């Protein structure tokens, strides 16, 4: 959630990192829920087929979020 563009990130960190960030970003945009479950799985498979590290990064990000959740105010 930043104004930093994918193009700027790719220029600064390289094409490989740009692809990983793009894949994780696309997984972030996947809607969860029973109606979207098939589409969610399809997008995850596509992301993994391109580079399995995308899913590893996403899982690590979710784990970090869960571990640090206790430091957030209750309304968050």
PDB file of N, CA and C in Angstrom:
ATOM      1  N   UNK A   1       0.838  -1.182   0.000  1.00  0.00           N
ATOM      2  CA  UNK A   1       0.000   0.000   0.000  1.00  0.00           C
ATOM      3  C   UNK A   1       0.882   1.244   0.000  1.00  0.00           C
ATOM      4  N   UNK A   2       1.386   1.538  -1.164  1.00  0.00           N
ATOM      5  CA  UNK A   2       2.294   2.666  -1.293  1.00  0.00           C
ATOM      6  C   UNK A   2       2.196   3.238  -2.697  1.00  0.00           C
ATOM      7  N   UNK A   3       2.713   4.438  -2.870  1.00  0.00           N
ATOM      8  CA  UNK A   3       2.731   5.066  -4.182  1.00  0.00           C
ATOM      9  C   UNK A   3       3.913   4.616  -5.021  1.00  0.00           C
ATOM     10  N   UNK A   4       4.733   3.741  -4.463  1.00  0.00           N
ATOM     11  CA  UNK A   4       5.923   3.229  -5.144  1.00  0.00           C
ATOM     12  C   UNK A   4       5.474   2.301  -6.262  1.00  0.00           C
ATOM     13  N   UNK A   5       5.838   2.605  -7.486  1.00  0.00           N
ATOM     14  CA  UNK A   5       5.358   1.817  -8.620  1.00  0.00           C
ATOM     15  C   UNK A   5       6.184   0.553  -8.830  1.00  0.00           C
ATOM     16  N   UNK A   6       5.584  -0.387  -9.515  1.00  0.00           N
ATOM     17  CA  UNK A   6       6.279  -1.626  -9.856  1.00  0.00           C
ATOM     18  C   UNK A   6       7.476  -1.327 -10.754  1.00  0.00           C
ATOM     19  N   UNK A   7       7.323  -0.362 -11.638  1.00  0.00           N
ATOM     20  CA  UNK A   7       8.418   0.006 -12.529  1.00  0.00           C
ATOM     21  C   UNK A   7       9.601   0.561 -11.739  1.00  0.00           C
ATOM     22  N   UNK A   8       9.326   1.429 -10.769  1.00  0.00           N
ATOM     23  CA  UNK A   8      10.397   1.998  -9.942  1.00  0.00           C
ATOM     24  C   UNK A   8      11.067   0.906  -9.116  1.00  0.00           C
ATOM     25  N   UNK A   9      10.275   0.007  -8.574  1.00  0.00           N
ATOM     26  CA  UNK A   9      10.815  -1.096  -7.786  1.00  0.00           C
ATOM     27  C   UNK A   9      11.713  -1.983  -8.649  1.00  0.00           C
ATOM     28  N   UNK A  10      11.264  -2.283  -9.860  1.00  0.00           N
ATOM     29  CA  UNK A  10      12.040  -3.123 -10.772  1.00  0.00           C
ATOM     30  C   UNK A  10      13.348  -2.449 -11.152  1.00  0.00           C
ATOM     31  N   UNK A  11      13.319  -1.150 -11.386  1.00  0.00           N
ATOM     32  CA  UNK A  11      14.550  -0.425 -11.707  1.00  0.00           C
ATOM     33  C   UNK A  11      15.529  -0.468 -10.545  1.00  0.00           C
ATOM     34  N   UNK A  12      15.025  -0.335  -9.335  1.00  0.00           N
ATOM     35  CA  UNK A  12      15.894  -0.283  -8.166  1.00  0.00           C
ATOM     36  C   UNK A  12      16.399  -1.659  -7.731  1.00  0.00           C
ATOM     37  N   UNK A  13      15.538  -2.686  -7.814  1.00  0.00           N
ATOM     38  CA  UNK A  13      15.884  -3.998  -7.268  1.00  0.00           C
ATOM     39  C   UNK A  13      16.031  -5.103  -8.308  1.00  0.00           C
ATOM     40  N   UNK A  14      15.671  -4.837  -9.548  1.00  0.00           N
ATOM     41  CA  UNK A  14      15.835  -5.830 -10.606  1.00  0.00           C
ATOM     42  C   UNK A  14      14.530  -6.502 -10.998  1.00  0.00           C
ATOM     43  N   UNK A  15      14.587  -7.158 -12.145  1.00  0.00           N
ATOM     44  CA  UNK A  15      13.406  -7.788 -12.731  1.00  0.00           C
ATOM     45  C   UNK A  15      12.885  -8.927 -11.854  1.00  0.00           C
ATOM     46  N   UNK A  16      13.783  -9.726 -11.296  1.00  0.00           N
ATOM     47  CA  UNK A  16      13.358 -10.876 -10.491  1.00  0.00           C
ATOM     48  C   UNK A  16      12.537 -10.442  -9.278  1.00  0.00           C
ATOM     49  N   UNK A  17      13.015  -9.435  -8.554  1.00  0.00           N
ATOM     50  CA  UNK A  17      12.275  -8.924  -7.392  1.00  0.00           C
ATOM     51  C   UNK A  17      10.962  -8.298  -7.851  1.00  0.00           C
ATOM     52  N   UNK A  18      10.986  -7.605  -8.978  1.00  0.00           N
ATOM     53  CA  UNK A  18       9.762  -7.019  -9.524  1.00  0.00           C
ATOM     54  C   UNK A  18       8.699  -8.063  -9.789  1.00  0.00           C
ATOM     55  N   UNK A  19       9.100  -9.205 -10.364  1.00  0.00           N
ATOM     56  CA  UNK A  19       8.145 -10.287 -10.627  1.00  0.00           C
ATOM     57  C   UNK A  19       7.588 -10.867  -9.326  1.00  0.00           C
ATOM     58  N   UNK A  20       8.447 -11.024  -8.324  1.00  0.00           N
ATOM     59  CA  UNK A  20       7.980 -11.563  -7.040  1.00  0.00           C
ATOM     60  C   UNK A  20       6.968 -10.628  -6.390  1.00  0.00           C
ATOM     61  N   UNK A  21       7.278  -9.335  -6.372  1.00  0.00           N
ATOM     62  CA  UNK A  21       6.363  -8.354  -5.768  1.00  0.00           C
ATOM     63  C   UNK A  21       5.051  -8.313  -6.542  1.00  0.00           C
ATOM     64  N   UNK A  22       5.125  -8.365  -7.863  1.00  0.00           N
ATOM     65  CA  UNK A  22       3.914  -8.354  -8.677  1.00  0.00           C
ATOM     66  C   UNK A  22       3.053  -9.579  -8.380  1.00  0.00           C
ATOM     67  N   UNK A  23       3.677 -10.739  -8.237  1.00  0.00           N
ATOM     68  CA  UNK A  23       2.926 -11.959  -7.921  1.00  0.00           C
ATOM     69  C   UNK A  23       2.257 -11.892  -6.568  1.00  0.00           C
ATOM     70  N   UNK A  24       2.978 -11.386  -5.558  1.00  0.00           N
ATOM     71  CA  UNK A  24       2.402 -11.259  -4.215  1.00  0.00           C
ATOM     72  C   UNK A  24       1.264 -10.248  -4.229  1.00  0.00           C
ATOM     73  N   UNK A  25       1.447  -9.161  -4.976  1.00  0.00           N
ATOM     74  CA  UNK A  25       0.403  -8.136  -5.076  1.00  0.00           C
ATOM     75  C   UNK A  25      -0.858  -8.720  -5.703  1.00  0.00           C
ATOM     76  N   UNK A  26      -0.694  -9.540  -6.720  1.00  0.00           N
ATOM     77  CA  UNK A  26      -1.864 -10.156  -7.361  1.00  0.00           C
ATOM     78  C   UNK A  26      -2.564 -11.117  -6.411  1.00  0.00           C
ATOM     79  N   UNK A  27      -1.802 -11.834  -5.590  1.00  0.00           N
ATOM     80  CA  UNK A  27      -2.431 -12.703  -4.592  1.00  0.00           C
ATOM     81  C   UNK A  27      -3.194 -11.878  -3.567  1.00  0.00           C
ATOM     82  N   UNK A  28      -2.688 -10.687  -3.229  1.00  0.00           N
ATOM     83  CA  UNK A  28      -3.377  -9.810  -2.283  1.00  0.00           C
ATOM     84  C   UNK A  28      -4.745  -9.397  -2.808  1.00  0.00           C
ATOM     85  N   UNK A  29      -4.884  -9.273  -4.109  1.00  0.00           N
ATOM     86  CA  UNK A  29      -6.125  -8.786  -4.703  1.00  0.00           C
ATOM     87  C   UNK A  29      -7.168  -9.883  -4.871  1.00  0.00           C
ATOM     88  N   UNK A  30      -6.790 -11.117  -4.554  1.00  0.00           N
ATOM     89  CA  UNK A  30      -7.721 -12.238  -4.674  1.00  0.00           C
ATOM     90  C   UNK A  30      -8.774 -12.124  -3.580  1.00  0.00           C
ATOM     91  N   UNK A  31     -10.037 -12.116  -3.980  1.00  0.00           N
ATOM     92  CA  UNK A  31     -11.137 -12.035  -3.011  1.00  0.00           C
ATOM     93  C   UNK A  31     -11.356 -13.404  -2.386  1.00  0.00           C
ATOM     94  N   UNK A  32     -11.553 -13.411  -1.092  1.00  0.00           N
ATOM     95  CA  UNK A  32     -11.803 -14.667  -0.396  1.00  0.00           C
ATOM     96  C   UNK A  32     -13.296 -14.853  -0.192  1.00  0.00           C
ATOM     97  N   UNK A  33     -13.717 -16.076  -0.062  1.00  0.00           N
ATOM     98  CA  UNK A  33     -15.126 -16.380   0.149  1.00  0.00           C
ATOM     99  C   UNK A  33     -15.521 -17.574  -0.688  1.00  0.00           C
ATOM    100  N   UNK A  34     -16.664 -18.156  -0.377  1.00  0.00           N
ATOM    101  CA  UNK A  34     -17.060 -19.381  -1.065  1.00  0.00           C
ATOM    102  C   UNK A  34     -17.317 -19.151  -2.549  1.00  0.00           C
ATOM    103  N   UNK A  35     -17.889 -18.025  -2.899  1.00  0.00           N
ATOM    104  CA  UNK A  35     -18.180 -17.762  -4.307  1.00  0.00           C
ATOM    105  C   UNK A  35     -16.903 -17.591  -5.115  1.00  0.00           C
ATOM    106  N   UNK A  36     -15.879 -17.040  -4.493  1.00  0.00           N
ATOM    107  CA  UNK A  36     -14.635 -16.765  -5.204  1.00  0.00           C
ATOM    108  C   UNK A  36     -13.588 -17.853  -4.993  1.00  0.00           C
ATOM    109  N   UNK A  37     -13.950 -18.927  -4.303  1.00  0.00           N
ATOM    110  CA  UNK A  37     -12.963 -19.945  -3.945  1.00  0.00           C
ATOM    111  C   UNK A  37     -12.271 -20.550  -5.167  1.00  0.00           C
ATOM    112  N   UNK A  38     -13.019 -20.903  -6.188  1.00  0.00           N
ATOM    113  CA  UNK A  38     -12.425 -21.473  -7.398  1.00  0.00           C
ATOM    114  C   UNK A  38     -11.479 -20.505  -8.075  1.00  0.00           C
ATOM    115  N   UNK A  39     -11.885 -19.266  -8.174  1.00  0.00           N
ATOM    116  CA  UNK A  39     -11.041 -18.230  -8.780  1.00  0.00           C
ATOM    117  C   UNK A  39      -9.799 -17.992  -7.934  1.00  0.00           C
ATOM    118  N   UNK A  40      -9.949 -18.021  -6.624  1.00  0.00           N
ATOM    119  CA  UNK A  40      -8.813 -17.845  -5.717  1.00  0.00           C
ATOM    120  C   UNK A  40      -7.785 -18.941  -5.941  1.00  0.00           C
ATOM    121  N   UNK A  41      -8.241 -20.159  -5.995  1.00  0.00           N
ATOM    122  CA  UNK A  41      -7.333 -21.290  -6.201  1.00  0.00           C
ATOM    123  C   UNK A  41      -6.661 -21.188  -7.565  1.00  0.00           C
ATOM    124  N   UNK A  42      -7.414 -20.807  -8.579  1.00  0.00           N
ATOM    125  CA  UNK A  42      -6.849 -20.659  -9.923  1.00  0.00           C
ATOM    126  C   UNK A  42      -5.734 -19.627  -9.927  1.00  0.00           C
ATOM    127  N   UNK A  43      -5.968 -18.470  -9.308  1.00  0.00           N
ATOM    128  CA  UNK A  43      -4.951 -17.416  -9.281  1.00  0.00           C
ATOM    129  C   UNK A  43      -3.720 -17.853  -8.490  1.00  0.00           C
ATOM    130  N   UNK A  44      -3.938 -18.605  -7.416  1.00  0.00           N
ATOM    131  CA  UNK A  44      -2.800 -19.084  -6.634  1.00  0.00           C
ATOM    132  C   UNK A  44      -1.966 -20.072  -7.444  1.00  0.00           C
ATOM    133  N   UNK A  45      -2.621 -20.931  -8.197  1.00  0.00           N
ATOM    134  CA  UNK A  45      -1.899 -21.903  -9.022  1.00  0.00           C
ATOM    135  C   UNK A  45      -1.105 -21.188 -10.110  1.00  0.00           C
ATOM    136  N   UNK A  46      -1.694 -20.183 -10.720  1.00  0.00           N
ATOM    137  CA  UNK A  46      -0.985 -19.414 -11.746  1.00  0.00           C
ATOM    138  C   UNK A  46       0.235 -18.727 -11.143  1.00  0.00           C
ATOM    139  N   UNK A  47       0.065 -18.121  -9.981  1.00  0.00           N
ATOM    140  CA  UNK A  47       1.188 -17.443  -9.322  1.00  0.00           C
ATOM    141  C   UNK A  47       2.287 -18.439  -8.972  1.00  0.00           C
ATOM    142  N   UNK A  48       1.910 -19.622  -8.485  1.00  0.00           N
ATOM    143  CA  UNK A  48       2.903 -20.639  -8.121  1.00  0.00           C
ATOM    144  C   UNK A  48       3.602 -21.189  -9.352  1.00  0.00           C
ATOM    145  N   UNK A  49       2.882 -21.317 -10.458  1.00  0.00           N
ATOM    146  CA  UNK A  49       3.480 -21.845 -11.676  1.00  0.00           C
ATOM    147  C   UNK A  49       4.555 -20.902 -12.193  1.00  0.00           C
ATOM    148  N   UNK A  50       4.321 -19.611 -12.066  1.00  0.00           N
ATOM    149  CA  UNK A  50       5.316 -18.635 -12.508  1.00  0.00           C
ATOM    150  C   UNK A  50       6.531 -18.653 -11.604  1.00  0.00           C
ATOM    151  N   UNK A  51       6.308 -18.697 -10.304  1.00  0.00           N
ATOM    152  CA  UNK A  51       7.415 -18.726  -9.345  1.00  0.00           C
ATOM    153  C   UNK A  51       6.861 -19.136  -7.988  1.00  0.00           C
ATOM    154  N   UNK A  52       7.197 -20.332  -7.511  1.00  0.00           N
ATOM    155  CA  UNK A  52       6.660 -20.817  -6.230  1.00  0.00           C
ATOM    156  C   UNK A  52       7.036 -19.935  -5.044  1.00  0.00           C
ATOM    157  N   UNK A  53       8.074 -19.129  -5.186  1.00  0.00           N
ATOM    158  CA  UNK A  53       8.477 -18.244  -4.089  1.00  0.00           C
ATOM    159  C   UNK A  53       7.407 -17.212  -3.768  1.00  0.00           C
ATOM    160  N   UNK A  54       6.549 -16.905  -4.748  1.00  0.00           N
ATOM    161  CA  UNK A  54       5.467 -15.942  -4.518  1.00  0.00           C
ATOM    162  C   UNK A  54       4.571 -16.425  -3.380  1.00  0.00           C
ATOM    163  N   UNK A  55       4.193 -17.688  -3.411  1.00  0.00           N
ATOM    164  CA  UNK A  55       3.324 -18.226  -2.364  1.00  0.00           C
ATOM    165  C   UNK A  55       4.052 -18.288  -1.026  1.00  0.00           C
ATOM    166  N   UNK A  56       5.334 -18.630  -1.044  1.00  0.00           N
ATOM    167  CA  UNK A  56       6.122 -18.669   0.194  1.00  0.00           C
ATOM    168  C   UNK A  56       6.175 -17.280   0.825  1.00  0.00           C
ATOM    169  N   UNK A  57       6.388 -16.253   0.006  1.00  0.00           N
ATOM    170  CA  UNK A  57       6.427 -14.872   0.507  1.00  0.00           C
ATOM    171  C   UNK A  57       5.074 -14.489   1.089  1.00  0.00           C
ATOM    172  N   UNK A  58       3.994 -14.857   0.400  1.00  0.00           N
ATOM    173  CA  UNK A  58       2.647 -14.518   0.868  1.00  0.00           C
ATOM    174  C   UNK A  58       2.349 -15.184   2.206  1.00  0.00           C
ATOM    175  N   UNK A  59       2.711 -16.452   2.347  1.00  0.00           N
ATOM    176  CA  UNK A  59       2.477 -17.167   3.602  1.00  0.00           C
ATOM    177  C   UNK A  59       3.310 -16.548   4.721  1.00  0.00           C
ATOM    178  N   UNK A  60       4.556 -16.188   4.429  1.00  0.00           N
ATOM    179  CA  UNK A  60       5.412 -15.544   5.432  1.00  0.00           C
ATOM    180  C   UNK A  60       4.832 -14.200   5.859  1.00  0.00           C
ATOM    181  N   UNK A  61       4.276 -13.456   4.912  1.00  0.00           N
ATOM    182  CA  UNK A  61       3.657 -12.166   5.228  1.00  0.00           C
ATOM    183  C   UNK A  61       2.449 -12.358   6.141  1.00  0.00           C
ATOM    184  N   UNK A  62       1.611 -13.348   5.840  1.00  0.00           N
ATOM    185  CA  UNK A  62       0.442 -13.618   6.687  1.00  0.00           C
ATOM    186  C   UNK A  62       0.858 -14.052   8.086  1.00  0.00           C
ATOM    187  N   UNK A  63       1.892 -14.882   8.171  1.00  0.00           N
ATOM    188  CA  UNK A  63       2.399 -15.326   9.465  1.00  0.00           C
ATOM    189  C   UNK A  63       2.895 -14.135  10.279  1.00  0.00           C
ATOM    190  N   UNK A  64       3.626 -13.235   9.626  1.00  0.00           N
ATOM    191  CA  UNK A  64       4.105 -12.029  10.308  1.00  0.00           C
ATOM    192  C   UNK A  64       2.928 -11.199  10.811  1.00  0.00           C
ATOM    193  N   UNK A  65       1.904 -11.046   9.977  1.00  0.00           N
ATOM    194  CA  UNK A  65       0.715 -10.287  10.384  1.00  0.00           C
ATOM    195  C   UNK A  65       0.065 -10.899  11.624  1.00  0.00           C
ATOM    196  N   UNK A  66      -0.056 -12.219  11.647  1.00  0.00           N
ATOM    197  CA  UNK A  66      -0.682 -12.883  12.798  1.00  0.00           C
ATOM    198  C   UNK A  66       0.165 -12.734  14.056  1.00  0.00           C
ATOM    199  N   UNK A  67       1.478 -12.831  13.903  1.00  0.00           N
ATOM    200  CA  UNK A  67       2.360 -12.722  15.065  1.00  0.00           C
ATOM    201  C   UNK A  67       2.391 -11.316  15.649  1.00  0.00           C
ATOM    202  N   UNK A  68       2.183 -10.305  14.820  1.00  0.00           N
ATOM    203  CA  UNK A  68       2.250  -8.923  15.303  1.00  0.00           C
ATOM    204  C   UNK A  68       0.881  -8.329  15.597  1.00  0.00           C
ATOM    205  N   UNK A  69      -0.185  -9.090  15.377  1.00  0.00           N
ATOM    206  CA  UNK A  69      -1.548  -8.609  15.581  1.00  0.00           C
ATOM    207  C   UNK A  69      -1.800  -8.158  17.021  1.00  0.00           C
ATOM    208  N   UNK A  70      -1.160  -8.803  17.965  1.00  0.00           N
ATOM    209  CA  UNK A  70      -1.407  -8.477  19.377  1.00  0.00           C
ATOM    210  C   UNK A  70      -0.949  -7.070  19.751  1.00  0.00           C
ATOM    211  N   UNK A  71      -0.117  -6.461  18.913  1.00  0.00           N
ATOM    212  CA  UNK A  71       0.369  -5.119  19.190  1.00  0.00           C
ATOM    213  C   UNK A  71      -0.542  -4.034  18.619  1.00  0.00           C
ATOM    214  N   UNK A  72      -1.566  -4.436  17.891  1.00  0.00           N
ATOM    215  CA  UNK A  72      -2.503  -3.479  17.307  1.00  0.00           C
ATOM    216  C   UNK A  72      -3.620  -3.164  18.289  1.00  0.00           C
ATOM    217  N   UNK A  73      -4.216  -1.986  18.165  1.00  0.00           N
ATOM    218  CA  UNK A  73      -5.378  -1.678  19.006  1.00  0.00           C
ATOM    219  C   UNK A  73      -6.528  -2.638  18.674  1.00  0.00           C
ATOM    220  N   UNK A  74      -7.400  -2.938  19.633  1.00  0.00           N
ATOM    221  CA  UNK A  74      -8.494  -3.902  19.415  1.00  0.00           C
ATOM    222  C   UNK A  74      -9.385  -3.571  18.218  1.00  0.00           C
ATOM    223  N   UNK A  75      -9.584  -2.292  17.915  1.00  0.00           N
ATOM    224  CA  UNK A  75     -10.470  -1.930  16.806  1.00  0.00           C
ATOM    225  C   UNK A  75      -9.883  -2.283  15.445  1.00  0.00           C
ATOM    226  N   UNK A  76      -8.604  -2.543  15.359  1.00  0.00           N
ATOM    227  CA  UNK A  76      -7.983  -2.924  14.087  1.00  0.00           C
ATOM    228  C   UNK A  76      -8.306  -4.367  13.808  1.00  0.00           C
TER     229      UNK A  76
END
